[in-house]
Each structure stands twice: as C-alpha cells, then as structure tokens.
PDB file of N, CA and C in Angstrom:
ATOM      1  N   MET A   1      19.822 -14.742  -2.275  1.00  0.00           N
ATOM      2  CA  MET A   1      20.365 -14.322  -0.995  1.00  0.00           C
ATOM      3  C   MET A   1      19.298 -13.520  -0.254  1.00  0.00           C
ATOM      4  N   ALA A   2      19.151 -13.795   1.035  1.00  0.00           N
ATOM      5  CA  ALA A   2      18.135 -13.127   1.846  1.00  0.00           C
ATOM      6  C   ALA A   2      18.332 -11.616   1.849  1.00  0.00           C
ATOM      7  N   ALA A   3      17.220 -10.917   1.979  1.00  0.00           N
ATOM      8  CA  ALA A   3      17.210  -9.464   2.097  1.00  0.00           C
ATOM      9  C   ALA A   3      16.252  -9.115   3.229  1.00  0.00           C
ATOM     10  N   TYR A   4      16.462  -7.939   3.815  1.00  0.00           N
ATOM     11  CA  TYR A   4      15.702  -7.552   5.000  1.00  0.00           C
ATOM     12  C   TYR A   4      15.117  -6.158   4.821  1.00  0.00           C
ATOM     13  N   VAL A   5      13.870  -6.020   5.242  1.00  0.00           N
ATOM     14  CA  VAL A   5      13.231  -4.713   5.302  1.00  0.00           C
ATOM     15  C   VAL A   5      13.184  -4.339   6.775  1.00  0.00           C
ATOM     16  N   ILE A   6      13.825  -3.218   7.098  1.00  0.00           N
ATOM     17  CA  ILE A   6      13.877  -2.734   8.476  1.00  0.00           C
ATOM     18  C   ILE A   6      13.026  -1.478   8.553  1.00  0.00           C
ATOM     19  N   VAL A   7      12.090  -1.480   9.493  1.00  0.00           N
ATOM     20  CA  VAL A   7      11.103  -0.409   9.568  1.00  0.00           C
ATOM     21  C   VAL A   7      11.120   0.215  10.967  1.00  0.00           C
ATOM     22  N   GLN A   8      11.279   1.519  11.002  1.00  0.00           N
ATOM     23  CA  GLN A   8      11.184   2.304  12.237  1.00  0.00           C
ATOM     24  C   GLN A   8       9.837   3.013  12.185  1.00  0.00           C
ATOM     25  N   ILE A   9       9.039   2.841  13.230  1.00  0.00           N
ATOM     26  CA  ILE A   9       7.659   3.328  13.207  1.00  0.00           C
ATOM     27  C   ILE A   9       7.349   4.131  14.466  1.00  0.00           C
ATOM     28  N   GLU A  10       6.720   5.270  14.267  1.00  0.00           N
ATOM     29  CA  GLU A  10       6.143   6.027  15.376  1.00  0.00           C
ATOM     30  C   GLU A  10       4.644   6.117  15.101  1.00  0.00           C
ATOM     31  N   VAL A  11       3.873   5.369  15.843  1.00  0.00           N
ATOM     32  CA  VAL A  11       2.421   5.323  15.658  1.00  0.00           C
ATOM     33  C   VAL A  11       1.802   6.601  16.213  1.00  0.00           C
ATOM     34  N   THR A  12       0.978   7.260  15.394  1.00  0.00           N
ATOM     35  CA  THR A  12       0.311   8.491  15.814  1.00  0.00           C
ATOM     36  C   THR A  12      -1.202   8.323  15.952  1.00  0.00           C
ATOM     37  N   ASP A  13      -1.757   7.283  15.334  1.00  0.00           N
ATOM     38  CA  ASP A  13      -3.184   6.985  15.424  1.00  0.00           C
ATOM     39  C   ASP A  13      -3.327   5.467  15.583  1.00  0.00           C
ATOM     40  N   PRO A  14      -3.347   4.974  16.825  1.00  0.00           N
ATOM     41  CA  PRO A  14      -3.361   3.529  17.056  1.00  0.00           C
ATOM     42  C   PRO A  14      -4.527   2.784  16.406  1.00  0.00           C
ATOM     43  N   ALA A  15      -5.708   3.362  16.392  1.00  0.00           N
ATOM     44  CA  ALA A  15      -6.865   2.678  15.804  1.00  0.00           C
ATOM     45  C   ALA A  15      -6.677   2.490  14.298  1.00  0.00           C
ATOM     46  N   GLN A  16      -6.265   3.534  13.619  1.00  0.00           N
ATOM     47  CA  GLN A  16      -6.040   3.443  12.180  1.00  0.00           C
ATOM     48  C   GLN A  16      -4.847   2.527  11.887  1.00  0.00           C
ATOM     49  N   TYR A  17      -3.806   2.594  12.706  1.00  0.00           N
ATOM     50  CA  TYR A  17      -2.634   1.751  12.511  1.00  0.00           C
ATOM     51  C   TYR A  17      -2.995   0.274  12.669  1.00  0.00           C
ATOM     52  N   ALA A  18      -3.925  -0.032  13.554  1.00  0.00           N
ATOM     53  CA  ALA A  18      -4.378  -1.416  13.739  1.00  0.00           C
ATOM     54  C   ALA A  18      -4.985  -1.967  12.447  1.00  0.00           C
ATOM     55  N   ARG A  19      -5.657  -1.126  11.685  1.00  0.00           N
ATOM     56  CA  ARG A  19      -6.213  -1.559  10.394  1.00  0.00           C
ATOM     57  C   ARG A  19      -5.076  -1.932   9.437  1.00  0.00           C
ATOM     58  N   TYR A  20      -4.015  -1.122   9.430  1.00  0.00           N
ATOM     59  CA  TYR A  20      -2.836  -1.412   8.613  1.00  0.00           C
ATOM     60  C   TYR A  20      -2.204  -2.741   9.050  1.00  0.00           C
ATOM     61  N   GLN A  21      -2.071  -2.940  10.355  1.00  0.00           N
ATOM     62  CA  GLN A  21      -1.471  -4.172  10.874  1.00  0.00           C
ATOM     63  C   GLN A  21      -2.265  -5.405  10.453  1.00  0.00           C
ATOM     64  N   ALA A  22      -3.565  -5.268  10.329  1.00  0.00           N
ATOM     65  CA  ALA A  22      -4.393  -6.397   9.920  1.00  0.00           C
ATOM     66  C   ALA A  22      -4.162  -6.769   8.453  1.00  0.00           C
ATOM     67  N   LEU A  23      -3.828  -5.793   7.626  1.00  0.00           N
ATOM     68  CA  LEU A  23      -3.633  -6.034   6.191  1.00  0.00           C
ATOM     69  C   LEU A  23      -2.243  -6.558   5.847  1.00  0.00           C
ATOM     70  N   THR A  24      -1.252  -6.191   6.620  1.00  0.00           N
ATOM     71  CA  THR A  24       0.136  -6.444   6.249  1.00  0.00           C
ATOM     72  C   THR A  24       0.543  -7.919   6.209  1.00  0.00           C
ATOM     73  N   PRO A  25       0.196  -8.766   7.180  1.00  0.00           N
ATOM     74  CA  PRO A  25       0.686 -10.149   7.150  1.00  0.00           C
ATOM     75  C   PRO A  25       0.337 -10.921   5.870  1.00  0.00           C
ATOM     76  N   ALA A  26      -0.871 -10.795   5.375  1.00  0.00           N
ATOM     77  CA  ALA A  26      -1.249 -11.506   4.144  1.00  0.00           C
ATOM     78  C   ALA A  26      -0.449 -10.999   2.954  1.00  0.00           C
ATOM     79  N   SER A  27      -0.190  -9.690   2.913  1.00  0.00           N
ATOM     80  CA  SER A  27       0.597  -9.150   1.801  1.00  0.00           C
ATOM     81  C   SER A  27       2.018  -9.688   1.857  1.00  0.00           C
ATOM     82  N   LEU A  28       2.594  -9.789   3.051  1.00  0.00           N
ATOM     83  CA  LEU A  28       3.947 -10.343   3.195  1.00  0.00           C
ATOM     84  C   LEU A  28       3.993 -11.802   2.769  1.00  0.00           C
ATOM     85  N   ALA A  29       3.049 -12.594   3.245  1.00  0.00           N
ATOM     86  CA  ALA A  29       3.040 -14.032   2.959  1.00  0.00           C
ATOM     87  C   ALA A  29       3.001 -14.304   1.459  1.00  0.00           C
ATOM     88  N   LYS A  30       2.237 -13.500   0.735  1.00  0.00           N
ATOM     89  CA  LYS A  30       2.117 -13.702  -0.713  1.00  0.00           C
ATOM     90  C   LYS A  30       3.463 -13.548  -1.421  1.00  0.00           C
ATOM     91  N   TYR A  31       4.366 -12.751  -0.863  1.00  0.00           N
ATOM     92  CA  TYR A  31       5.663 -12.484  -1.497  1.00  0.00           C
ATOM     93  C   TYR A  31       6.828 -13.126  -0.723  1.00  0.00           C
ATOM     94  N   GLY A  32       6.490 -14.039   0.182  1.00  0.00           N
ATOM     95  CA  GLY A  32       7.513 -14.785   0.904  1.00  0.00           C
ATOM     96  C   GLY A  32       8.134 -14.047   2.071  1.00  0.00           C
ATOM     97  N   GLY A  33       7.535 -12.950   2.502  1.00  0.00           N
ATOM     98  CA  GLY A  33       8.073 -12.196   3.626  1.00  0.00           C
ATOM     99  C   GLY A  33       7.749 -12.861   4.956  1.00  0.00           C
ATOM    100  N   ARG A  34       8.680 -12.773   5.896  1.00  0.00           N
ATOM    101  CA  ARG A  34       8.512 -13.358   7.222  1.00  0.00           C
ATOM    102  C   ARG A  34       8.948 -12.344   8.275  1.00  0.00           C
ATOM    103  N   PHE A  35       8.079 -12.106   9.251  1.00  0.00           N
ATOM    104  CA  PHE A  35       8.463 -11.223  10.355  1.00  0.00           C
ATOM    105  C   PHE A  35       9.566 -11.897  11.165  1.00  0.00           C
ATOM    106  N   LEU A  36      10.659 -11.194  11.379  1.00  0.00           N
ATOM    107  CA  LEU A  36      11.690 -11.633  12.314  1.00  0.00           C
ATOM    108  C   LEU A  36      11.520 -10.904  13.636  1.00  0.00           C
ATOM    109  N   VAL A  37      11.143  -9.627  13.546  1.00  0.00           N
ATOM    110  CA  VAL A  37      10.883  -8.789  14.722  1.00  0.00           C
ATOM    111  C   VAL A  37       9.642  -7.975  14.398  1.00  0.00           C
ATOM    112  N   ARG A  38       8.722  -7.934  15.338  1.00  0.00           N
ATOM    113  CA  ARG A  38       7.509  -7.121  15.170  1.00  0.00           C
ATOM    114  C   ARG A  38       7.190  -6.489  16.508  1.00  0.00           C
ATOM    115  N   GLY A  39       7.810  -5.312  16.741  1.00  0.00           N
ATOM    116  CA  GLY A  39       7.672  -4.670  18.042  1.00  0.00           C
ATOM    117  C   GLY A  39       8.655  -5.291  19.021  1.00  0.00           C
ATOM    118  N   GLY A  40       8.312  -5.293  20.271  1.00  0.00           N
ATOM    119  CA  GLY A  40       9.183  -5.873  21.288  1.00  0.00           C
ATOM    120  C   GLY A  40       9.943  -4.807  22.053  1.00  0.00           C
ATOM    121  N   THR A  41      10.740  -5.261  22.995  1.00  0.00           N
ATOM    122  CA  THR A  41      11.514  -4.377  23.852  1.00  0.00           C
ATOM    123  C   THR A  41      12.875  -4.112  23.233  1.00  0.00           C
ATOM    124  N   LEU A  42      13.257  -2.852  23.168  1.00  0.00           N
ATOM    125  CA  LEU A  42      14.570  -2.471  22.652  1.00  0.00           C
ATOM    126  C   LEU A  42      15.490  -2.154  23.818  1.00  0.00           C
ATOM    127  N   GLU A  43      16.697  -2.667  23.757  1.00  0.00           N
ATOM    128  CA  GLU A  43      17.698  -2.394  24.779  1.00  0.00           C
ATOM    129  C   GLU A  43      18.939  -1.869  24.077  1.00  0.00           C
ATOM    130  N   HIS A  44      19.315  -0.644  24.391  1.00  0.00           N
ATOM    131  CA  HIS A  44      20.511  -0.055  23.780  1.00  0.00           C
ATOM    132  C   HIS A  44      21.754  -0.638  24.442  1.00  0.00           C
ATOM    133  N   LEU A  45      22.583  -1.281  23.665  1.00  0.00           N
ATOM    134  CA  LEU A  45      23.830  -1.830  24.170  1.00  0.00           C
ATOM    135  C   LEU A  45      24.982  -0.849  23.983  1.00  0.00           C
ATOM    136  N   GLU A  46      24.831   0.005  22.963  1.00  0.00           N
ATOM    137  CA  GLU A  46      25.876   0.996  22.703  1.00  0.00           C
ATOM    138  C   GLU A  46      25.254   2.120  21.881  1.00  0.00           C
ATOM    139  N   GLY A  47      25.553   3.347  22.231  1.00  0.00           N
ATOM    140  CA  GLY A  47      25.007   4.487  21.490  1.00  0.00           C
ATOM    141  C   GLY A  47      23.516   4.666  21.728  1.00  0.00           C
ATOM    142  N   ARG A  48      22.920   5.565  20.947  1.00  0.00           N
ATOM    143  CA  ARG A  48      21.488   5.862  21.072  1.00  0.00           C
ATOM    144  C   ARG A  48      20.836   5.777  19.706  1.00  0.00           C
ATOM    145  N   TRP A  49      19.657   5.214  19.680  1.00  0.00           N
ATOM    146  CA  TRP A  49      18.847   5.143  18.469  1.00  0.00           C
ATOM    147  C   TRP A  49      17.410   5.217  18.941  1.00  0.00           C
ATOM    148  N   GLU A  50      16.765   6.336  18.690  1.00  0.00           N
ATOM    149  CA  GLU A  50      15.399   6.548  19.155  1.00  0.00           C
ATOM    150  C   GLU A  50      14.430   5.851  18.204  1.00  0.00           C
ATOM    151  N   VAL A  51      13.950   4.698  18.614  1.00  0.00           N
ATOM    152  CA  VAL A  51      13.040   3.893  17.793  1.00  0.00           C
ATOM    153  C   VAL A  51      11.817   3.537  18.632  1.00  0.00           C
ATOM    154  N   PRO A  52      10.684   4.182  18.380  1.00  0.00           N
ATOM    155  CA  PRO A  52       9.488   3.845  19.140  1.00  0.00           C
ATOM    156  C   PRO A  52       9.017   2.404  18.889  1.00  0.00           C
ATOM    157  N   ARG A  53       9.092   1.951  17.631  1.00  0.00           N
ATOM    158  CA  ARG A  53       8.662   0.598  17.265  1.00  0.00           C
ATOM    159  C   ARG A  53       9.558   0.139  16.123  1.00  0.00           C
ATOM    160  N   LEU A  54       9.997  -1.121  16.186  1.00  0.00           N
ATOM    161  CA  LEU A  54      10.897  -1.662  15.175  1.00  0.00           C
ATOM    162  C   LEU A  54      10.306  -2.944  14.601  1.00  0.00           C
ATOM    163  N   VAL A  55      10.365  -3.062  13.274  1.00  0.00           N
ATOM    164  CA  VAL A  55       9.925  -4.272  12.585  1.00  0.00           C
ATOM    165  C   VAL A  55      11.032  -4.675  11.621  1.00  0.00           C
ATOM    166  N   ILE A  56      11.338  -5.967  11.589  1.00  0.00           N
ATOM    167  CA  ILE A  56      12.300  -6.506  10.625  1.00  0.00           C
ATOM    168  C   ILE A  56      11.626  -7.662   9.906  1.00  0.00           C
ATOM    169  N   VAL A  57      11.638  -7.594   8.567  1.00  0.00           N
ATOM    170  CA  VAL A  57      11.018  -8.616   7.732  1.00  0.00           C
ATOM    171  C   VAL A  57      12.088  -9.209   6.832  1.00  0.00           C
ATOM    172  N   GLU A  58      12.096 -10.524   6.720  1.00  0.00           N
ATOM    173  CA  GLU A  58      13.048 -11.220   5.853  1.00  0.00           C
ATOM    174  C   GLU A  58      12.342 -11.680   4.576  1.00  0.00           C
ATOM    175  N   PHE A  59      13.013 -11.489   3.454  1.00  0.00           N
ATOM    176  CA  PHE A  59      12.562 -11.984   2.154  1.00  0.00           C
ATOM    177  C   PHE A  59      13.662 -12.852   1.567  1.00  0.00           C
ATOM    178  N   ASP A  60      13.314 -13.691   0.618  1.00  0.00           N
ATOM    179  CA  ASP A  60      14.305 -14.548  -0.038  1.00  0.00           C
ATOM    180  C   ASP A  60      15.306 -13.749  -0.859  1.00  0.00           C
ATOM    181  N   SER A  61      14.894 -12.565  -1.315  1.00  0.00           N
ATOM    182  CA  SER A  61      15.780 -11.725  -2.131  1.00  0.00           C
ATOM    183  C   SER A  61      15.294 -10.286  -2.091  1.00  0.00           C
ATOM    184  N   ALA A  62      16.181  -9.383  -2.513  1.00  0.00           N
ATOM    185  CA  ALA A  62      15.796  -7.974  -2.600  1.00  0.00           C
ATOM    186  C   ALA A  62      14.697  -7.793  -3.643  1.00  0.00           C
ATOM    187  N   ALA A  63      14.759  -8.573  -4.709  1.00  0.00           N
ATOM    188  CA  ALA A  63      13.726  -8.473  -5.760  1.00  0.00           C
ATOM    189  C   ALA A  63      12.345  -8.799  -5.199  1.00  0.00           C
ATOM    190  N   ARG A  64      12.256  -9.852  -4.350  1.00  0.00           N
ATOM    191  CA  ARG A  64      10.962 -10.205  -3.760  1.00  0.00           C
ATOM    192  C   ARG A  64      10.489  -9.112  -2.796  1.00  0.00           C
ATOM    193  N   ALA A  65      11.407  -8.508  -2.062  1.00  0.00           N
ATOM    194  CA  ALA A  65      11.033  -7.421  -1.158  1.00  0.00           C
ATOM    195  C   ALA A  65      10.466  -6.248  -1.949  1.00  0.00           C
ATOM    196  N   ARG A  66      11.095  -5.929  -3.065  1.00  0.00           N
ATOM    197  CA  ARG A  66      10.588  -4.823  -3.897  1.00  0.00           C
ATOM    198  C   ARG A  66       9.234  -5.175  -4.518  1.00  0.00           C
ATOM    199  N   GLU A  67       9.056  -6.432  -4.936  1.00  0.00           N
ATOM    200  CA  GLU A  67       7.756  -6.868  -5.479  1.00  0.00           C
ATOM    201  C   GLU A  67       6.669  -6.657  -4.429  1.00  0.00           C
ATOM    202  N   TRP A  68       6.971  -7.077  -3.192  1.00  0.00           N
ATOM    203  CA  TRP A  68       5.997  -6.892  -2.115  1.00  0.00           C
ATOM    204  C   TRP A  68       5.688  -5.413  -1.922  1.00  0.00           C
ATOM    205  N   TYR A  69       6.718  -4.576  -1.806  1.00  0.00           N
ATOM    206  CA  TYR A  69       6.517  -3.154  -1.538  1.00  0.00           C
ATOM    207  C   TYR A  69       5.662  -2.490  -2.624  1.00  0.00           C
ATOM    208  N   ASP A  70       5.869  -2.889  -3.864  1.00  0.00           N
ATOM    209  CA  ASP A  70       5.143  -2.299  -4.988  1.00  0.00           C
ATOM    210  C   ASP A  70       3.841  -3.023  -5.318  1.00  0.00           C
ATOM    211  N   SER A  71       3.506  -4.077  -4.568  1.00  0.00           N
ATOM    212  CA  SER A  71       2.325  -4.894  -4.878  1.00  0.00           C
ATOM    213  C   SER A  71       1.027  -4.139  -4.601  1.00  0.00           C
ATOM    214  N   PRO A  72      -0.040  -4.530  -5.300  1.00  0.00           N
ATOM    215  CA  PRO A  72      -1.354  -3.926  -5.029  1.00  0.00           C
ATOM    216  C   PRO A  72      -1.785  -4.132  -3.570  1.00  0.00           C
ATOM    217  N   GLU A  73      -1.459  -5.282  -3.007  1.00  0.00           N
ATOM    218  CA  GLU A  73      -1.854  -5.573  -1.628  1.00  0.00           C
ATOM    219  C   GLU A  73      -1.183  -4.617  -0.647  1.00  0.00           C
ATOM    220  N   TYR A  74       0.112  -4.406  -0.836  1.00  0.00           N
ATOM    221  CA  TYR A  74       0.802  -3.530   0.115  1.00  0.00           C
ATOM    222  C   TYR A  74       0.539  -2.058  -0.180  1.00  0.00           C
ATOM    223  N   ARG A  75       0.291  -1.714  -1.421  1.00  0.00           N
ATOM    224  CA  ARG A  75      -0.107  -0.320  -1.716  1.00  0.00           C
ATOM    225  C   ARG A  75      -1.379   0.022  -0.955  1.00  0.00           C
ATOM    226  N   GLU A  76      -2.323  -0.932  -0.903  1.00  0.00           N
ATOM    227  CA  GLU A  76      -3.563  -0.703  -0.152  1.00  0.00           C
ATOM    228  C   GLU A  76      -3.265  -0.555   1.338  1.00  0.00           C
ATOM    229  N   ALA A  77      -2.395  -1.394   1.869  1.00  0.00           N
ATOM    230  CA  ALA A  77      -2.035  -1.286   3.287  1.00  0.00           C
ATOM    231  C   ALA A  77      -1.379   0.062   3.573  1.00  0.00           C
ATOM    232  N   ARG A  78      -0.495   0.522   2.678  1.00  0.00           N
ATOM    233  CA  ARG A  78       0.152   1.833   2.870  1.00  0.00           C
ATOM    234  C   ARG A  78      -0.876   2.952   2.824  1.00  0.00           C
ATOM    235  N   ARG A  79      -1.872   2.816   1.950  1.00  0.00           N
ATOM    236  CA  ARG A  79      -2.926   3.824   1.872  1.00  0.00           C
ATOM    237  C   ARG A  79      -3.670   3.904   3.204  1.00  0.00           C
ATOM    238  N   VAL A  80      -3.980   2.759   3.786  1.00  0.00           N
ATOM    239  CA  VAL A  80      -4.677   2.700   5.076  1.00  0.00           C
ATOM    240  C   VAL A  80      -3.796   3.289   6.183  1.00  0.00           C
ATOM    241  N   ARG A  81      -2.475   3.061   6.095  1.00  0.00           N
ATOM    242  CA  ARG A  81      -1.541   3.555   7.119  1.00  0.00           C
ATOM    243  C   ARG A  81      -1.339   5.063   7.062  1.00  0.00           C
ATOM    244  N   ALA A  82      -1.584   5.685   5.925  1.00  0.00           N
ATOM    245  CA  ALA A  82      -1.334   7.119   5.751  1.00  0.00           C
ATOM    246  C   ALA A  82      -1.994   7.917   6.873  1.00  0.00           C
ATOM    247  N   GLY A  83      -1.187   8.732   7.543  1.00  0.00           N
ATOM    248  CA  GLY A  83      -1.688   9.562   8.632  1.00  0.00           C
ATOM    249  C   GLY A  83      -1.735   8.860   9.979  1.00  0.00           C
ATOM    250  N   ALA A  84      -1.440   7.554  10.009  1.00  0.00           N
ATOM    251  CA  ALA A  84      -1.503   6.803  11.265  1.00  0.00           C
ATOM    252  C   ALA A  84      -0.136   6.586  11.901  1.00  0.00           C
ATOM    253  N   ALA A  85       0.936   6.853  11.122  1.00  0.00           N
ATOM    254  CA  ALA A  85       2.288   6.617  11.649  1.00  0.00           C
ATOM    255  C   ALA A  85       3.318   7.335  10.804  1.00  0.00           C
ATOM    256  N   ARG A  86       4.431   7.651  11.448  1.00  0.00           N
ATOM    257  CA  ARG A  86       5.606   8.133  10.730  1.00  0.00           C
ATOM    258  C   ARG A  86       6.520   6.928  10.551  1.00  0.00           C
ATOM    259  N   VAL A  87       6.902   6.655   9.312  1.00  0.00           N
ATOM    260  CA  VAL A  87       7.599   5.416   8.997  1.00  0.00           C
ATOM    261  C   VAL A  87       8.889   5.700   8.222  1.00  0.00           C
ATOM    262  N   THR A  88       9.948   5.013   8.614  1.00  0.00           N
ATOM    263  CA  THR A  88      11.177   4.961   7.833  1.00  0.00           C
ATOM    264  C   THR A  88      11.407   3.495   7.510  1.00  0.00           C
ATOM    265  N   MET A  89      11.486   3.173   6.218  1.00  0.00           N
ATOM    266  CA  MET A  89      11.619   1.785   5.787  1.00  0.00           C
ATOM    267  C   MET A  89      12.863   1.665   4.915  1.00  0.00           C
ATOM    268  N   THR A  90      13.698   0.680   5.244  1.00  0.00           N
ATOM    269  CA  THR A  90      14.966   0.499   4.543  1.00  0.00           C
ATOM    270  C   THR A  90      15.104  -0.948   4.096  1.00  0.00           C
ATOM    271  N   LEU A  91      15.543  -1.146   2.858  1.00  0.00           N
ATOM    272  CA  LEU A  91      15.824  -2.489   2.338  1.00  0.00           C
ATOM    273  C   LEU A  91      17.326  -2.724   2.462  1.00  0.00           C
ATOM    274  N   VAL A  92      17.703  -3.821   3.116  1.00  0.00           N
ATOM    275  CA  VAL A  92      19.112  -4.189   3.283  1.00  0.00           C
ATOM    276  C   VAL A  92      19.323  -5.525   2.587  1.00  0.00           C
ATOM    277  N   ALA A  93      20.249  -5.530   1.641  1.00  0.00           N
ATOM    278  CA  ALA A  93      20.560  -6.762   0.917  1.00  0.00           C
ATOM    279  C   ALA A  93      22.066  -6.982   0.988  1.00  0.00           C
ATOM    280  N   PRO A  94      22.502  -8.037   1.685  1.00  0.00           N
ATOM    281  CA  PRO A  94      23.936  -8.312   1.807  1.00  0.00           C
ATOM    282  C   PRO A  94      24.598  -8.550   0.455  1.00  0.00           C
TER     283      PRO A  94
END
C-alpha cells in the first residue's frame, strides 16, 4: 500500500539548500520514491497552515520510505541540508 512523506520546509540558506536538492532525486529513485508535489503555489481553502515550501513524495510502502530515509544516500543529503533549512517531515501510511 502506498505511503507518503510530507515535508514542510523553510529554506534559510538557498545556495546550500540547492546542493541538497541536487542530491535528493537520485536517492528517491533508488528506493522507488516519486515526487507528487515539489514546491508550487499554496492556496488555503479553509483554515491556516503556514508552509513556506511543501514537498510530497510517494513510495510503494512505508517500509520503502523508511529504507530511503535511513539510506546512506539520503543521510548524505541530510548532512548537506543541515543549517540550510528548517524541516518537518512526516510519514503517512493509510
């Protein structure tokens, strides 16, 4: 069953964050992750949710999402991202 990683991001160092963005797609592909949303315009239809940047990634399962998150490839990307953004990342599995 599909699982989703939802990420709320506030970029604080765009140049350093760009390095992270360059590393992430290959790490996702290796574990079957697919971007559903990567940035874009947010329109509040009801209530308020302060989200500077939103990313949603789909995986075939929660197990694959966890494999990706704990992978050497993504650990390196997270290391590069350190100090470049404030991130909240949530795994949602129906």
